[in-house]
Amino acid sequence: MSRWRELPAELDPASYRLAVRLRLLKDHSGLSKRQLATKTGYSTKSWSDT
């Protein structure tokens, strides 16, 4: 699984939950960032580990 950076403390709770859920889905999908970018239409940079 990926090692994720800590999310900013000032992130609102809904955004925090969304980020955590997206991270979990990404990790469990087994897809690379490039594959996710292709499938979602978002750039590889958008799927960075930040």
PDB file of N, CA and C in Angstrom:
ATOM      1  N   MET A   1       0.825  -1.187   0.000  1.00  0.00           N
ATOM      2  CA  MET A   1       0.000   0.000   0.000  1.00  0.00           C
ATOM      3  C   MET A   1       0.867   1.246   0.000  1.00  0.00           C
ATOM      4  N   SER A   2       0.279   2.299  -0.474  1.00  0.00           N
ATOM      5  CA  SER A   2       0.989   3.577  -0.519  1.00  0.00           C
ATOM      6  C   SER A   2       1.154   4.153   0.879  1.00  0.00           C
ATOM      7  N   ARG A   3       2.194   4.925   1.032  1.00  0.00           N
ATOM      8  CA  ARG A   3       2.357   5.693   2.262  1.00  0.00           C
ATOM      9  C   ARG A   3       1.910   7.100   1.944  1.00  0.00           C
ATOM     10  N   TRP A   4       0.917   7.551   2.628  1.00  0.00           N
ATOM     11  CA  TRP A   4       0.343   8.867   2.377  1.00  0.00           C
ATOM     12  C   TRP A   4       0.894   9.897   3.346  1.00  0.00           C
ATOM     13  N   ARG A   5       0.986  11.116   2.887  1.00  0.00           N
ATOM     14  CA  ARG A   5       1.363  12.223   3.767  1.00  0.00           C
ATOM     15  C   ARG A   5       0.180  12.561   4.655  1.00  0.00           C
ATOM     16  N   GLU A   6       0.488  13.120   5.810  1.00  0.00           N
ATOM     17  CA  GLU A   6      -0.561  13.528   6.732  1.00  0.00           C
ATOM     18  C   GLU A   6      -1.382  14.647   6.110  1.00  0.00           C
ATOM     19  N   LEU A   7      -2.695  14.584   6.295  1.00  0.00           N
ATOM     20  CA  LEU A   7      -3.567  15.631   5.772  1.00  0.00           C
ATOM     21  C   LEU A   7      -3.467  16.883   6.651  1.00  0.00           C
ATOM     22  N   PRO A   8      -3.681  18.067   6.064  1.00  0.00           N
ATOM     23  CA  PRO A   8      -3.597  19.306   6.834  1.00  0.00           C
ATOM     24  C   PRO A   8      -4.629  19.349   7.965  1.00  0.00           C
ATOM     25  N   ALA A   9      -4.226  19.857   9.094  1.00  0.00           N
ATOM     26  CA  ALA A   9      -5.108  19.927  10.267  1.00  0.00           C
ATOM     27  C   ALA A   9      -6.309  20.831  10.012  1.00  0.00           C
ATOM     28  N   GLU A  10      -6.136  21.837   9.166  1.00  0.00           N
ATOM     29  CA  GLU A  10      -7.226  22.792   8.927  1.00  0.00           C
ATOM     30  C   GLU A  10      -8.265  22.296   7.912  1.00  0.00           C
ATOM     31  N   LEU A  11      -8.093  21.096   7.400  1.00  0.00           N
ATOM     32  CA  LEU A  11      -9.034  20.534   6.444  1.00  0.00           C
ATOM     33  C   LEU A  11     -10.366  20.286   7.138  1.00  0.00           C
ATOM     34  N   ASP A  12     -11.460  20.710   6.498  1.00  0.00           N
ATOM     35  CA  ASP A  12     -12.763  20.514   7.142  1.00  0.00           C
ATOM     36  C   ASP A  12     -13.095  19.015   7.171  1.00  0.00           C
ATOM     37  N   PRO A  13     -13.937  18.603   8.118  1.00  0.00           N
ATOM     38  CA  PRO A  13     -14.204  17.171   8.322  1.00  0.00           C
ATOM     39  C   PRO A  13     -14.716  16.436   7.082  1.00  0.00           C
ATOM     40  N   ALA A  14     -15.584  17.061   6.308  1.00  0.00           N
ATOM     41  CA  ALA A  14     -16.115  16.393   5.111  1.00  0.00           C
ATOM     42  C   ALA A  14     -15.007  16.161   4.083  1.00  0.00           C
ATOM     43  N   SER A  15     -14.145  17.135   3.896  1.00  0.00           N
ATOM     44  CA  SER A  15     -13.029  16.992   2.952  1.00  0.00           C
ATOM     45  C   SER A  15     -12.052  15.943   3.441  1.00  0.00           C
ATOM     46  N   TYR A  16     -11.827  15.909   4.740  1.00  0.00           N
ATOM     47  CA  TYR A  16     -10.938  14.909   5.333  1.00  0.00           C
ATOM     48  C   TYR A  16     -11.469  13.502   5.055  1.00  0.00           C
ATOM     49  N   ARG A  17     -12.761  13.293   5.312  1.00  0.00           N
ATOM     50  CA  ARG A  17     -13.362  11.971   5.083  1.00  0.00           C
ATOM     51  C   ARG A  17     -13.283  11.582   3.607  1.00  0.00           C
ATOM     52  N   LEU A  18     -13.523  12.544   2.718  1.00  0.00           N
ATOM     53  CA  LEU A  18     -13.437  12.267   1.288  1.00  0.00           C
ATOM     54  C   LEU A  18     -12.019  11.860   0.892  1.00  0.00           C
ATOM     55  N   ALA A  19     -11.030  12.602   1.371  1.00  0.00           N
ATOM     56  CA  ALA A  19      -9.634  12.301   1.043  1.00  0.00           C
ATOM     57  C   ALA A  19      -9.241  10.915   1.547  1.00  0.00           C
ATOM     58  N   VAL A  20      -9.633  10.591   2.751  1.00  0.00           N
ATOM     59  CA  VAL A  20      -9.315   9.278   3.327  1.00  0.00           C
ATOM     60  C   VAL A  20      -9.985   8.180   2.513  1.00  0.00           C
ATOM     61  N   ARG A  21     -11.224   8.380   2.152  1.00  0.00           N
ATOM     62  CA  ARG A  21     -11.951   7.362   1.376  1.00  0.00           C
ATOM     63  C   ARG A  21     -11.327   7.175  -0.006  1.00  0.00           C
ATOM     64  N   LEU A  22     -10.969   8.274  -0.665  1.00  0.00           N
ATOM     65  CA  LEU A  22     -10.328   8.172  -1.974  1.00  0.00           C
ATOM     66  C   LEU A  22      -8.987   7.444  -1.878  1.00  0.00           C
ATOM     67  N   ARG A  23      -8.239   7.739  -0.822  1.00  0.00           N
ATOM     68  CA  ARG A  23      -6.960   7.055  -0.619  1.00  0.00           C
ATOM     69  C   ARG A  23      -7.161   5.556  -0.447  1.00  0.00           C
ATOM     70  N   LEU A  24      -8.147   5.183   0.359  1.00  0.00           N
ATOM     71  CA  LEU A  24      -8.431   3.763   0.569  1.00  0.00           C
ATOM     72  C   LEU A  24      -8.858   3.078  -0.727  1.00  0.00           C
ATOM     73  N   LEU A  25      -9.720   3.736  -1.472  1.00  0.00           N
ATOM     74  CA  LEU A  25     -10.165   3.176  -2.746  1.00  0.00           C
ATOM     75  C   LEU A  25      -9.003   3.014  -3.715  1.00  0.00           C
ATOM     76  N   LYS A  26      -8.121   4.010  -3.761  1.00  0.00           N
ATOM     77  CA  LYS A  26      -6.948   3.938  -4.637  1.00  0.00           C
ATOM     78  C   LYS A  26      -6.070   2.772  -4.230  1.00  0.00           C
ATOM     79  N   ASP A  27      -5.783   2.670  -2.942  1.00  0.00           N
ATOM     80  CA  ASP A  27      -4.926   1.585  -2.455  1.00  0.00           C
ATOM     81  C   ASP A  27      -5.523   0.206  -2.745  1.00  0.00           C
ATOM     82  N   HIS A  28      -6.817   0.065  -2.535  1.00  0.00           N
ATOM     83  CA  HIS A  28      -7.455  -1.235  -2.716  1.00  0.00           C
ATOM     84  C   HIS A  28      -7.696  -1.580  -4.179  1.00  0.00           C
ATOM     85  N   SER A  29      -7.678  -0.590  -5.049  1.00  0.00           N
ATOM     86  CA  SER A  29      -7.935  -0.852  -6.469  1.00  0.00           C
ATOM     87  C   SER A  29      -6.765  -1.566  -7.134  1.00  0.00           C
ATOM     88  N   GLY A  30      -5.557  -1.319  -6.612  1.00  0.00           N
ATOM     89  CA  GLY A  30      -4.377  -1.894  -7.233  1.00  0.00           C
ATOM     90  C   GLY A  30      -3.940  -1.159  -8.493  1.00  0.00           C
ATOM     91  N   LEU A  31      -4.623  -0.058  -8.811  1.00  0.00           N
ATOM     92  CA  LEU A  31      -4.284   0.713 -10.006  1.00  0.00           C
ATOM     93  C   LEU A  31      -3.155   1.690  -9.714  1.00  0.00           C
ATOM     94  N   SER A  32      -2.346   1.912 -10.721  1.00  0.00           N
ATOM     95  CA  SER A  32      -1.295   2.926 -10.592  1.00  0.00           C
ATOM     96  C   SER A  32      -1.926   4.308 -10.748  1.00  0.00           C
ATOM     97  N   LYS A  33      -1.150   5.339 -10.421  1.00  0.00           N
ATOM     98  CA  LYS A  33      -1.649   6.701 -10.610  1.00  0.00           C
ATOM     99  C   LYS A  33      -1.923   6.977 -12.085  1.00  0.00           C
ATOM    100  N   ARG A  34      -1.097   6.440 -12.957  1.00  0.00           N
ATOM    101  CA  ARG A  34      -1.311   6.625 -14.400  1.00  0.00           C
ATOM    102  C   ARG A  34      -2.627   5.973 -14.839  1.00  0.00           C
ATOM    103  N   GLN A  35      -2.894   4.768 -14.341  1.00  0.00           N
ATOM    104  CA  GLN A  35      -4.139   4.090 -14.688  1.00  0.00           C
ATOM    105  C   GLN A  35      -5.347   4.844 -14.151  1.00  0.00           C
ATOM    106  N   LEU A  36      -5.235   5.352 -12.933  1.00  0.00           N
ATOM    107  CA  LEU A  36      -6.328   6.146 -12.363  1.00  0.00           C
ATOM    108  C   LEU A  36      -6.565   7.409 -13.175  1.00  0.00           C
ATOM    109  N   ALA A  37      -5.487   8.055 -13.589  1.00  0.00           N
ATOM    110  CA  ALA A  37      -5.607   9.271 -14.396  1.00  0.00           C
ATOM    111  C   ALA A  37      -6.360   8.970 -15.685  1.00  0.00           C
ATOM    112  N   THR A  38      -6.021   7.870 -16.328  1.00  0.00           N
ATOM    113  CA  THR A  38      -6.683   7.489 -17.578  1.00  0.00           C
ATOM    114  C   THR A  38      -8.159   7.201 -17.351  1.00  0.00           C
ATOM    115  N   LYS A  39      -8.460   6.465 -16.289  1.00  0.00           N
ATOM    116  CA  LYS A  39      -9.840   6.068 -16.025  1.00  0.00           C
ATOM    117  C   LYS A  39     -10.722   7.212 -15.524  1.00  0.00           C
ATOM    118  N   THR A  40     -10.131   8.181 -14.814  1.00  0.00           N
ATOM    119  CA  THR A  40     -10.932   9.238 -14.198  1.00  0.00           C
ATOM    120  C   THR A  40     -10.913  10.559 -14.953  1.00  0.00           C
ATOM    121  N   GLY A  41      -9.952  10.738 -15.848  1.00  0.00           N
ATOM    122  CA  GLY A  41      -9.851  12.007 -16.546  1.00  0.00           C
ATOM    123  C   GLY A  41      -9.098  13.071 -15.771  1.00  0.00           C
ATOM    124  N   TYR A  42      -8.608  12.722 -14.581  1.00  0.00           N
ATOM    125  CA  TYR A  42      -7.768  13.626 -13.797  1.00  0.00           C
ATOM    126  C   TYR A  42      -6.310  13.296 -14.076  1.00  0.00           C
ATOM    127  N   SER A  43      -5.452  14.296 -13.982  1.00  0.00           N
ATOM    128  CA  SER A  43      -4.043  14.082 -14.291  1.00  0.00           C
ATOM    129  C   SER A  43      -3.378  13.185 -13.249  1.00  0.00           C
ATOM    130  N   THR A  44      -2.238  12.632 -13.646  1.00  0.00           N
ATOM    131  CA  THR A  44      -1.448  11.832 -12.716  1.00  0.00           C
ATOM    132  C   THR A  44      -1.063  12.668 -11.500  1.00  0.00           C
ATOM    133  N   LYS A  45      -0.741  13.925 -11.728  1.00  0.00           N
ATOM    134  CA  LYS A  45      -0.381  14.815 -10.618  1.00  0.00           C
ATOM    135  C   LYS A  45      -1.543  14.983  -9.629  1.00  0.00           C
ATOM    136  N   SER A  46      -2.769  14.964 -10.129  1.00  0.00           N
ATOM    137  CA  SER A  46      -3.934  15.060  -9.248  1.00  0.00           C
ATOM    138  C   SER A  46      -4.022  13.876  -8.296  1.00  0.00           C
ATOM    139  N   TRP A  47      -3.467  12.759  -8.718  1.00  0.00           N
ATOM    140  CA  TRP A  47      -3.473  11.547  -7.898  1.00  0.00           C
ATOM    141  C   TRP A  47      -2.166  11.392  -7.110  1.00  0.00           C
ATOM    142  N   SER A  48      -1.454  12.485  -6.900  1.00  0.00           N
ATOM    143  CA  SER A  48      -0.182  12.420  -6.176  1.00  0.00           C
ATOM    144  C   SER A  48      -0.393  11.989  -4.728  1.00  0.00           C
ATOM    145  N   ASP A  49       0.688  11.678  -4.062  1.00  0.00           N
ATOM    146  CA  ASP A  49       0.634  11.176  -2.682  1.00  0.00           C
ATOM    147  C   ASP A  49       0.526  12.281  -1.649  1.00  0.00           C
ATOM    148  N   THR A  50       0.112  13.434  -2.044  1.00  0.00           N
ATOM    149  CA  THR A  50      -0.011  14.537  -1.085  1.00  0.00           C
ATOM    150  C   THR A  50      -1.345  14.521  -0.413  1.00  0.00           C
TER     151      THR A  50
END
